[in-house]
């Protein structure tokens, strides 16, 4: 027989289990019961939540809701910001309708601009620390109480700048600075036509132009904004939106203008190009004419596209004109322009600190009131920036709405009560009639003998 070096397993299996005085079984090492580990296991806490403005589906204002979402987790190269203010831009309206290229799948958190304080710093971030006041331009997710943003899209703020001022200046003045100085190369004595002159970017462009000597600004906007814009004094000639402003411009400058800044697109492209002087520059930086109603209109998008004349390079060559465009979102997130944008942002902050520019805030809104804020921008009723403040209380809702679900419910309850009362009255009447018919034989005793065939020969009165 061959001997084995393995110890026999049977004796170990037959070893009796010792029971301690406290009644618990003493098991052999390596044979602990799974339940012995579970009490030592820390229970996983549910993720913390925050408020955020969520787009539940592309379309109208009802698809924008304030919901509870899990707080974001911090990734490498990111900072976590406690948001104190958010910026509303026309781009957000286009995202809501789905009229923007490559939007995320719904539901997702809206917003491209926010300001606040850094709560956490991710691995690899060296230029920020906890407690820094910053403004950020994330690709979506800015409209929330907390947001995790790659550090390359975050900008340190001066100590004396508030979060509200930060979101009023960042997006608008970045776009305006790039348009006016880097693309249009504004110079003394030049003239410029500006669409949506009363909006946030329009006001920023007008202020920057006035920092250069003898620049003439033609501003197109709604008639209702003219009086207030005249008080600001940054626009030399105010033109009414919807009128034949090309003739109005030529009454002042017969040969046209040097620069056209267009955020509308559509037929405005053709009018703007026709106003350019030789060596003039037409710059498209938006397409708000696509947004004509509360929801996306394919007809409006197609019309805006086909209304634009196709200009060949040969025509530009012959006429000594320039066509160009600016899309800040693409520049940041698709074209690797983060460092260029940071340089422009530093110059904007320097202008603010030196008092050259001052952002104009139209109004401030609670997160819950963002649909109303969006509607105001959609109707082009704002003069300056619209800001969202997470700390603000929402506006009180009407106690008794004239129409809607509450009114329908009230009417339905009233009808149900009416039907219940009618049914009760009917039952009472039937009961009363039955009682009367039961008492009638007793009142007419002379008929009892004639009705002996009823109820087995007896009547109810005798029982």
Protein backbone atom coordinates (compact mmCIF):
# COMPACT_ATOMS: atom_id res chain seq x y z
CA UNK A 1 0.00 0.00 0.00
CA UNK A 2 1.17 3.51 -0.77
CA UNK A 3 1.10 6.11 1.94
CA UNK A 4 -0.34 9.57 1.36
CA UNK A 5 0.96 12.75 2.90
CA UNK A 6 -2.51 14.32 3.04
CA UNK A 7 -4.09 14.41 6.48
CA UNK A 8 -7.31 12.44 6.72
CA UNK A 9 -10.37 14.71 6.40
CA UNK A 10 -12.82 12.56 8.34
CA UNK A 11 -11.63 13.26 11.87
CA UNK A 12 -11.81 17.02 11.24
CA UNK A 13 -15.35 16.66 9.96
CA UNK A 14 -16.33 14.54 12.97
CA UNK A 15 -14.96 17.05 15.46
CA UNK A 16 -17.81 18.05 17.73
CA UNK A 17 -18.89 21.68 17.71
CA UNK A 18 -18.18 23.32 21.06
CA UNK A 19 -20.84 25.58 22.47
CA UNK A 20 -19.73 28.51 24.59
CA UNK A 21 -21.48 29.60 27.74
CA UNK A 22 -23.29 32.37 25.88
CA UNK A 23 -24.90 29.78 23.63
CA UNK A 24 -23.04 30.63 20.44
CA UNK A 25 -21.44 27.93 18.39
CA UNK A 26 -17.66 27.92 18.04
CA UNK A 27 -16.92 26.97 14.46
CA UNK A 28 -13.58 25.99 13.09
CA UNK A 29 -11.44 28.57 11.27
CA UNK A 30 -12.41 29.16 7.66
CA UNK A 31 -15.95 27.94 8.27
CA UNK A 32 -17.55 31.18 9.52
CA UNK A 33 -21.17 31.58 8.58
CA UNK A 34 -21.95 34.35 6.08
CA UNK A 35 -24.31 36.01 8.54
CA UNK A 36 -21.40 36.52 10.95
CA UNK A 37 -19.87 38.98 8.45
CA UNK A 38 -22.99 40.99 7.68
CA UNK A 39 -23.27 42.84 11.02
CA UNK A 40 -19.72 44.14 10.53
CA UNK A 41 -20.54 45.33 7.01
CA UNK A 42 -21.38 48.99 6.90
CA UNK A 43 -24.73 49.67 5.28
CA UNK A 44 -24.43 51.66 2.07
CA UNK A 45 -25.96 55.10 2.48
CA UNK A 46 -28.32 56.24 -0.25
CA UNK A 47 -26.75 58.83 -2.57
CA UNK A 48 -27.26 62.44 -1.56
CA UNK A 49 -29.62 64.42 -3.73
CA UNK A 50 -29.74 67.94 -5.11
CA UNK A 51 -32.19 70.08 -7.03
CA UNK A 52 -31.62 70.41 -10.76
CA UNK A 53 -33.48 71.72 -13.81
CA UNK A 54 -34.13 68.68 -15.97
CA UNK A 55 -35.34 68.47 -19.56
CA UNK A 56 -37.68 65.47 -19.59
CA UNK A 57 -38.33 65.60 -23.34
CA UNK A 58 -37.71 67.95 -26.24
CA UNK A 59 -40.56 70.37 -26.76
CA UNK A 60 -42.46 73.03 -24.85
CA UNK A 61 -42.06 74.64 -21.46
CA UNK A 62 -43.82 71.78 -19.65
CA UNK A 63 -40.85 69.54 -20.40
CA UNK A 64 -38.60 71.67 -18.13
CA UNK A 65 -38.90 70.60 -14.48
CA UNK A 66 -37.03 70.96 -11.20
CA UNK A 67 -36.31 67.44 -9.94
CA UNK A 68 -34.20 65.70 -7.31
CA UNK A 69 -31.07 64.16 -8.83
CA UNK A 70 -28.07 62.37 -7.26
CA UNK A 71 -25.17 64.66 -6.46
CA UNK A 72 -22.41 64.36 -9.08
CA UNK A 73 -19.27 62.35 -8.40
CA UNK A 74 -15.92 63.99 -8.97
CA UNK A 75 -13.68 62.68 -11.74
CA UNK A 76 -10.00 63.18 -12.48
CA UNK A 77 -9.21 66.69 -13.63
CA UNK A 78 -12.55 68.05 -12.40
CA UNK A 79 -13.72 70.42 -9.67
CA UNK A 80 -17.03 70.24 -7.79
CA UNK A 81 -18.80 73.60 -7.65
CA UNK A 82 -21.54 74.66 -5.24
CA UNK A 83 -23.65 76.75 -7.62
CA UNK A 84 -24.80 80.21 -6.52
CA UNK A 85 -26.04 81.58 -9.88
CA UNK A 86 -26.79 80.30 -13.39
CA UNK A 87 -26.98 82.09 -16.72
CA UNK A 88 -29.88 81.70 -19.16
CA UNK A 89 -28.88 82.00 -22.82
CA UNK A 90 -30.83 81.70 -26.07
CA UNK A 91 -28.88 78.53 -26.71
CA UNK A 92 -30.81 76.94 -23.82
CA UNK A 93 -34.11 77.61 -25.59
CA UNK A 94 -32.80 75.89 -28.70
CA UNK A 95 -31.69 72.88 -26.64
CA UNK A 96 -35.15 72.60 -25.07
CA UNK A 97 -36.72 72.36 -28.51
CA UNK A 98 -34.08 69.96 -29.81
CA UNK A 99 -33.06 72.58 -32.40
CA UNK A 100 -29.36 72.12 -31.63
CA UNK A 101 -26.86 69.66 -33.04
CA UNK A 102 -26.15 66.41 -31.15
CA UNK A 103 -28.12 67.04 -27.93
CA UNK A 104 -27.96 64.39 -25.17
CA UNK A 105 -30.77 61.89 -24.73
CA UNK A 106 -33.49 63.05 -22.38
CA UNK A 107 -33.79 63.32 -19.47
CA UNK A 108 -30.72 65.43 -18.73
CA UNK A 109 -29.76 68.51 -16.70
CA UNK A 110 -29.84 71.76 -18.67
CA UNK A 111 -27.48 74.74 -18.61
CA UNK A 112 -24.12 75.88 -19.99
CA UNK A 113 -23.14 78.59 -17.48
CA UNK A 114 -22.88 78.76 -13.67
CA UNK A 115 -20.89 80.42 -10.88
CA UNK A 116 -20.18 79.54 -7.26
CA UNK A 117 -17.52 78.11 -4.93
CA UNK A 118 -15.36 75.02 -5.26
CA UNK A 119 -16.23 72.30 -2.72
CA UNK A 120 -13.90 69.54 -3.93
CA UNK A 121 -10.87 69.32 -6.19
CA UNK A 122 -10.24 66.20 -8.26
CA UNK A 123 -6.97 64.41 -8.83
CA UNK A 124 -4.60 66.22 -11.16
CA UNK A 125 -6.10 69.70 -10.64
CA UNK A 126 -3.40 72.14 -9.58
CA UNK A 127 -4.70 75.62 -10.36
CA UNK A 128 -7.76 75.55 -8.06
CA UNK A 129 -8.41 74.87 -4.38
CA UNK A 130 -11.43 74.42 -2.12
CA UNK A 131 -13.17 77.72 -1.46
CA UNK A 132 -12.16 79.43 -4.71
CA UNK A 133 -14.84 81.62 -6.32
CA UNK A 134 -15.24 80.53 -9.93
CA UNK A 135 -17.44 80.64 -13.00
CA UNK A 136 -17.74 77.65 -15.33
CA UNK A 137 -18.92 76.79 -18.84
CA UNK A 138 -19.74 73.06 -18.72
CA UNK A 139 -21.34 71.26 -21.64
CA UNK A 140 -24.82 70.96 -20.06
CA UNK A 141 -25.51 70.19 -16.34
CA UNK A 142 -24.90 73.78 -15.14
CA UNK A 143 -28.42 74.35 -13.78
CA UNK A 144 -28.10 72.44 -10.54
CA UNK A 145 -27.07 73.01 -6.94
CA UNK A 146 -23.83 71.10 -7.58
CA UNK A 147 -21.89 70.49 -10.79
CA UNK A 148 -18.67 68.65 -11.60
CA UNK A 149 -16.76 70.44 -14.36
CA UNK A 150 -13.39 69.77 -16.04
CA UNK A 151 -10.96 72.40 -14.73
CA UNK A 152 -10.14 73.62 -18.24
CA UNK A 153 -13.67 75.07 -18.50
CA UNK A 154 -13.48 76.83 -15.09
CA UNK A 155 -12.28 80.42 -14.54
CA UNK A 156 -11.20 82.09 -11.30
CA UNK A 157 -13.11 85.25 -10.35
CA UNK A 158 -11.85 88.50 -8.87
CA UNK A 159 -12.51 88.75 -5.12
CA UNK A 160 -14.96 91.62 -5.58
CA UNK A 161 -17.11 89.92 -8.24
CA UNK A 162 -20.36 88.27 -7.13
CA UNK A 163 -21.69 85.03 -8.67
CA UNK A 164 -24.59 86.99 -10.19
CA UNK A 165 -22.18 89.40 -11.89
CA UNK A 166 -20.06 86.45 -13.02
CA UNK A 167 -22.84 84.72 -14.97
CA UNK A 168 -24.03 88.07 -16.32
CA UNK A 169 -20.60 88.70 -17.85
CA UNK A 170 -19.02 85.35 -18.78
CA UNK A 171 -20.90 83.89 -21.75
CA UNK A 172 -22.17 87.19 -23.13
CA UNK A 173 -18.93 89.14 -22.92
CA UNK A 174 -16.80 86.21 -24.10
CA UNK A 175 -18.85 86.01 -27.28
CA UNK A 176 -18.90 89.79 -27.64
CA UNK A 177 -15.14 90.15 -27.10
CA UNK A 178 -14.28 87.48 -29.67
CA UNK A 179 -16.71 89.00 -32.18
CA UNK A 180 -15.63 92.62 -31.78
CA UNK A 181 -11.88 92.35 -31.31
CA UNK A 182 -10.70 88.99 -32.66
CA UNK A 183 -13.02 88.53 -35.65
CA UNK A 184 -14.26 92.00 -36.65
CA UNK A 185 -11.00 93.73 -35.62
CA UNK A 186 -12.93 96.85 -34.71
CA UNK A 187 -10.97 100.07 -35.24
CA UNK A 188 -11.61 103.80 -34.75
CA UNK A 189 -14.06 105.25 -37.25
CA UNK A 190 -15.74 101.94 -38.15
CA UNK A 191 -19.51 101.33 -38.25
CA UNK A 192 -21.39 98.23 -37.07
CA UNK A 193 -24.91 96.82 -37.42
CA UNK A 194 -26.06 94.76 -34.43
CA UNK A 195 -29.16 92.55 -34.23
CA UNK A 196 -30.94 91.82 -30.90
CA UNK A 197 -29.28 94.92 -29.48
CA UNK A 198 -31.25 94.73 -26.24
CA UNK A 199 -30.17 91.20 -25.30
CA UNK A 200 -27.22 90.16 -23.17
CA UNK A 201 -24.73 89.75 -26.02
CA UNK A 202 -26.08 92.85 -27.78
CA UNK A 203 -25.47 95.02 -24.75
CA UNK A 204 -21.99 93.54 -24.31
CA UNK A 205 -21.10 94.27 -27.95
CA UNK A 206 -22.36 97.87 -27.65
CA UNK A 207 -20.27 98.48 -24.50
CA UNK A 208 -17.12 97.03 -26.07
CA UNK A 209 -17.58 99.07 -29.24
CA UNK A 210 -17.83 102.24 -27.19
CA UNK A 211 -14.40 101.49 -25.71
CA UNK A 212 -13.00 102.29 -29.19
CA UNK A 213 -12.99 105.88 -30.47
CA UNK A 214 -15.56 107.02 -33.04
CA UNK A 215 -17.28 103.68 -33.61
CA UNK A 216 -20.87 104.04 -34.85
CA UNK A 217 -23.36 101.37 -33.68
CA UNK A 218 -26.69 100.68 -35.40
CA UNK A 219 -28.89 98.53 -33.13
CA UNK A 220 -31.97 96.55 -34.24
CA UNK A 221 -34.45 95.54 -31.51
CA UNK A 222 -38.10 95.73 -30.47
CA UNK A 223 -39.61 99.21 -30.29
CA UNK A 224 -40.51 98.70 -26.62
CA UNK A 225 -36.81 98.59 -25.69
CA UNK A 226 -35.76 101.80 -27.42
CA UNK A 227 -36.46 104.20 -24.56
CA UNK A 228 -34.36 102.29 -22.01
CA UNK A 229 -31.53 101.66 -24.48
CA UNK A 230 -31.36 105.37 -25.27
CA UNK A 231 -30.72 106.01 -21.58
CA UNK A 232 -27.74 103.62 -21.66
CA UNK A 233 -26.23 105.66 -24.49
CA UNK A 234 -24.20 102.86 -26.09
CA UNK A 235 -26.19 102.64 -29.35
CA UNK A 236 -26.08 105.57 -31.75
CA UNK A 237 -29.00 104.64 -33.99
CA UNK A 238 -31.88 102.43 -32.79
CA UNK A 239 -33.88 100.64 -35.49
CA UNK A 240 -37.17 98.83 -35.04
CA UNK A 241 -37.23 95.07 -35.41
CA UNK A 242 -39.37 94.05 -38.40
CA UNK A 243 -39.01 97.32 -40.30
CA UNK A 244 -36.94 97.89 -43.45
CA UNK A 245 -33.84 98.78 -41.46
CA UNK A 246 -31.59 98.61 -44.54
CA UNK A 247 -33.13 101.84 -45.86
CA UNK A 248 -32.87 103.42 -42.41
CA UNK A 249 -29.17 102.58 -42.24
CA UNK A 250 -28.53 104.03 -45.72
CA UNK A 251 -30.25 107.28 -44.72
CA UNK A 252 -27.45 107.74 -42.19
CA UNK A 253 -24.63 105.98 -44.07
CA UNK A 254 -25.32 105.76 -47.79
CA UNK A 255 -22.56 103.26 -48.49
CA UNK A 256 -23.57 100.89 -45.66
CA UNK A 257 -21.59 99.60 -42.70
CA UNK A 258 -18.21 97.97 -42.08
CA UNK A 259 -19.42 95.12 -39.85
CA UNK A 260 -22.66 93.15 -39.47
CA UNK A 261 -23.14 90.92 -36.40
CA UNK A 262 -26.09 88.57 -37.00
CA UNK A 263 -27.59 86.21 -34.40
CA UNK A 264 -30.85 85.64 -36.32
CA UNK A 265 -29.96 83.92 -39.62
CA UNK A 266 -32.66 83.43 -42.27
CA UNK A 267 -33.38 86.35 -44.57
CA UNK A 268 -31.40 88.66 -42.26
CA UNK A 269 -28.23 87.13 -43.75
CA UNK A 270 -29.07 88.51 -47.18
CA UNK A 271 -30.01 91.96 -45.86
CA UNK A 272 -26.89 92.16 -43.73
CA UNK A 273 -24.59 91.12 -46.56
CA UNK A 274 -26.18 93.72 -48.85
CA UNK A 275 -25.28 96.47 -46.34
CA UNK A 276 -21.57 95.67 -46.26
CA UNK A 277 -19.08 98.17 -47.63
CA UNK A 278 -16.09 96.92 -49.59
CA UNK A 279 -13.69 95.33 -47.06
CA UNK A 280 -16.74 94.73 -44.86
CA UNK A 281 -17.23 91.71 -42.59
CA UNK A 282 -20.43 89.75 -42.01
CA UNK A 283 -20.30 87.47 -38.92
CA UNK A 284 -23.03 84.95 -38.02
CA UNK A 285 -23.02 83.92 -34.35
CA UNK A 286 -26.54 82.51 -33.87
CA UNK A 287 -29.73 81.32 -35.53
CA UNK A 288 -32.53 82.41 -33.24
CA UNK A 289 -34.98 82.77 -36.15
CA UNK A 290 -35.20 78.96 -36.06
CA UNK A 291 -37.04 79.27 -32.72
CA UNK A 292 -40.39 80.72 -33.80
CA UNK A 293 -42.79 78.92 -31.44
CA UNK A 294 -42.77 77.10 -28.11
CA UNK A 295 -41.85 73.82 -29.78
CA UNK A 296 -39.52 72.93 -32.62
CA UNK A 297 -40.79 73.73 -36.11
CA UNK A 298 -39.14 71.89 -38.98
CA UNK A 299 -40.78 74.37 -41.33
CA UNK A 300 -39.11 77.32 -39.56
CA UNK A 301 -35.72 75.61 -39.63
CA UNK A 302 -36.04 74.78 -43.33
CA UNK A 303 -37.26 78.27 -44.17
CA UNK A 304 -34.34 79.89 -42.31
CA UNK A 305 -31.93 77.68 -44.22
CA UNK A 306 -33.38 78.21 -47.71
CA UNK A 307 -33.80 81.96 -47.24
CA UNK A 308 -30.02 82.33 -47.10
CA UNK A 309 -28.44 83.05 -50.47
CA UNK A 310 -25.48 80.87 -51.30
CA UNK A 311 -22.43 83.09 -51.68
CA UNK A 312 -19.54 81.71 -53.74
CA UNK A 313 -15.89 82.46 -52.93
CA UNK A 314 -15.63 84.17 -56.32
CA UNK A 315 -18.33 86.68 -55.31
CA UNK A 316 -16.46 87.42 -52.06
CA UNK A 317 -13.30 87.89 -54.10
CA UNK A 318 -14.97 90.25 -56.54
CA UNK A 319 -16.72 92.33 -53.85
CA UNK A 320 -13.88 92.43 -51.30
CA UNK A 321 -16.12 91.11 -48.50
CA UNK A 322 -15.71 88.56 -45.73
CA UNK A 323 -18.13 85.96 -44.32
CA UNK A 324 -17.37 84.21 -41.01
CA UNK A 325 -19.06 82.55 -38.04
CA UNK A 326 -18.64 81.94 -34.33
CA UNK A 327 -20.01 79.01 -32.31
CA UNK A 328 -18.54 79.20 -28.79
CA UNK A 329 -19.86 75.77 -27.80
CA UNK A 330 -18.13 74.09 -30.74
CA UNK A 331 -14.98 76.12 -30.15
CA UNK A 332 -14.78 74.89 -26.55
CA UNK A 333 -15.90 71.29 -26.78
CA UNK A 334 -15.16 70.20 -30.35
CA UNK A 335 -12.36 72.38 -31.70
CA UNK A 336 -10.00 72.32 -28.71
CA UNK A 337 -10.22 76.06 -28.07
CA UNK A 338 -10.17 75.93 -24.26
CA UNK A 339 -6.88 77.82 -23.89
CA UNK A 340 -7.87 80.45 -26.45
CA UNK A 341 -11.17 81.02 -24.62
CA UNK A 342 -9.33 81.28 -21.28
CA UNK A 343 -7.16 84.04 -22.71
CA UNK A 344 -10.23 85.93 -23.94
CA UNK A 345 -11.90 85.47 -20.54
CA UNK A 346 -8.89 86.96 -18.75
CA UNK A 347 -9.14 90.05 -20.97
CA UNK A 348 -12.87 90.37 -20.27
CA UNK A 349 -12.24 90.23 -16.50
CA UNK A 350 -9.53 92.89 -16.85
CA UNK A 351 -12.00 95.16 -18.67
CA UNK A 352 -14.53 94.62 -15.87
CA UNK A 353 -12.02 95.38 -13.12
CA UNK A 354 -10.99 98.57 -14.92
CA UNK A 355 -14.63 99.68 -15.19
CA UNK A 356 -14.70 99.58 -18.99
CA UNK A 357 -17.65 97.16 -19.06
CA UNK A 358 -20.52 96.59 -16.65
CA UNK A 359 -22.98 93.74 -17.21
CA UNK A 360 -26.66 94.63 -17.31
CA UNK A 361 -28.93 92.18 -15.45
CA UNK A 362 -32.53 92.09 -16.66
CA UNK A 363 -34.02 89.89 -13.93
CA UNK A 364 -33.28 87.07 -11.47
CA UNK A 365 -35.43 83.94 -11.11
CA UNK A 366 -35.78 80.90 -8.85
CA UNK A 367 -35.03 77.51 -10.40
CA UNK A 368 -38.72 76.58 -10.23
CA UNK A 369 -39.63 79.65 -12.30
CA UNK A 370 -37.31 78.87 -15.23
CA UNK A 371 -40.21 78.21 -17.68
CA UNK A 372 -41.43 81.77 -17.13
CA UNK A 373 -37.88 83.10 -17.54
CA UNK A 374 -37.51 81.14 -20.77
CA UNK A 375 -40.78 82.55 -22.07
CA UNK A 376 -39.59 86.09 -21.38
CA UNK A 377 -36.43 85.50 -23.41
CA UNK A 378 -38.41 83.75 -26.16
CA UNK A 379 -40.67 86.82 -26.43
CA UNK A 380 -37.52 89.01 -26.55
CA UNK A 381 -38.70 91.11 -23.62
CA UNK A 382 -35.43 91.06 -21.69
CA UNK A 383 -32.92 93.91 -21.69
CA UNK A 384 -29.67 92.38 -20.52
CA UNK A 385 -28.99 89.05 -18.83
CA UNK A 386 -31.56 86.70 -17.27
CA UNK A 387 -30.09 84.95 -14.21
CA UNK A 388 -31.24 81.92 -12.18
CA UNK A 389 -30.59 81.85 -8.41
CA UNK A 390 -30.84 78.43 -6.64
CA UNK A 391 -31.34 80.15 -3.27
CA UNK A 392 -34.40 82.14 -4.37
CA UNK A 393 -37.91 81.17 -3.35
CA UNK A 394 -40.23 80.50 -6.30
CA UNK A 395 -43.10 82.84 -7.03
CA UNK A 396 -46.36 81.88 -5.29
CA UNK A 397 -48.76 80.05 -7.56
CA UNK A 398 -52.36 81.26 -8.00
CA UNK A 399 -54.57 79.80 -5.26
CA UNK A 400 -57.60 79.23 -7.49
CA UNK A 401 -56.73 78.90 -11.16
CA UNK A 402 -59.53 79.92 -13.48
CA UNK A 403 -58.87 77.05 -15.83
CA UNK A 404 -56.99 73.82 -15.87
CA UNK A 405 -57.01 70.59 -13.92
CA UNK A 406 -58.02 72.18 -10.62
CA UNK A 407 -61.07 73.74 -12.24
CA UNK A 408 -62.01 70.45 -13.89
CA UNK A 409 -61.62 68.56 -10.60
CA UNK A 410 -63.81 71.08 -8.80
CA UNK A 411 -66.50 70.81 -11.48
CA UNK A 412 -66.28 67.01 -11.40
CA UNK A 413 -66.63 66.94 -7.58
CA UNK A 414 -69.63 69.26 -7.81
CA UNK A 415 -71.30 67.03 -10.39
CA UNK A 416 -70.60 63.92 -8.28
CA UNK A 417 -72.14 65.56 -5.21
CA UNK A 418 -75.17 66.56 -7.28
CA UNK A 419 -75.60 63.00 -8.57
CA UNK A 420 -75.26 61.59 -5.04
CA UNK A 421 -77.92 63.97 -3.72
CA UNK A 422 -80.30 63.09 -6.55
CA UNK A 423 -79.81 59.36 -5.91
CA UNK A 424 -80.46 59.84 -2.18
CA UNK A 425 -83.62 61.84 -2.85
CA UNK A 426 -84.81 59.11 -5.22
CA UNK A 427 -84.17 56.39 -2.61
CA UNK A 428 -86.02 58.39 0.08
CA UNK A 429 -88.99 58.84 -2.24
CA UNK A 430 -89.11 55.12 -3.09
CA UNK A 431 -88.94 54.21 0.63
CA UNK A 432 -91.69 56.68 1.45
CA UNK A 433 -93.94 55.28 -1.30
CA UNK A 434 -93.32 51.72 -0.08
CA UNK A 435 -94.25 52.62 3.50
CA UNK A 436 -97.43 54.32 2.34
CA UNK A 437 -98.44 51.27 0.28
CA UNK A 438 -97.83 49.02 3.31
CA UNK A 439 -100.06 51.16 5.59
CA UNK A 440 -102.93 51.41 3.09
CA UNK A 441 -104.52 47.96 3.86
CA UNK A 442 -104.71 48.87 7.56
CA UNK A 443 -106.60 52.06 6.78
CA UNK A 444 -109.13 50.12 4.66
CA UNK A 445 -110.19 47.25 6.97
CA UNK A 446 -113.16 46.40 4.84
CA UNK A 447 -110.85 45.17 2.05
CA UNK A 448 -108.85 42.69 4.19
CA UNK A 449 -111.20 39.76 3.62
CA UNK A 450 -111.05 40.25 -0.15
CA UNK A 451 -107.24 39.97 -0.11
CA UNK A 452 -106.92 36.69 1.85
CA UNK A 453 -105.21 35.04 -1.14
CA UNK A 454 -102.23 37.35 -0.58
CA UNK A 455 -99.35 36.13 1.66
CA UNK A 456 -100.69 32.62 2.23
CA UNK A 457 -104.10 33.76 3.17
CA UNK A 458 -103.06 36.41 5.71
CA UNK A 459 -102.29 40.07 5.29
CA UNK A 460 -99.23 41.97 6.67
CA UNK A 461 -101.39 43.78 9.18
CA UNK A 462 -102.41 40.60 10.97
CA UNK A 463 -98.79 39.53 11.39
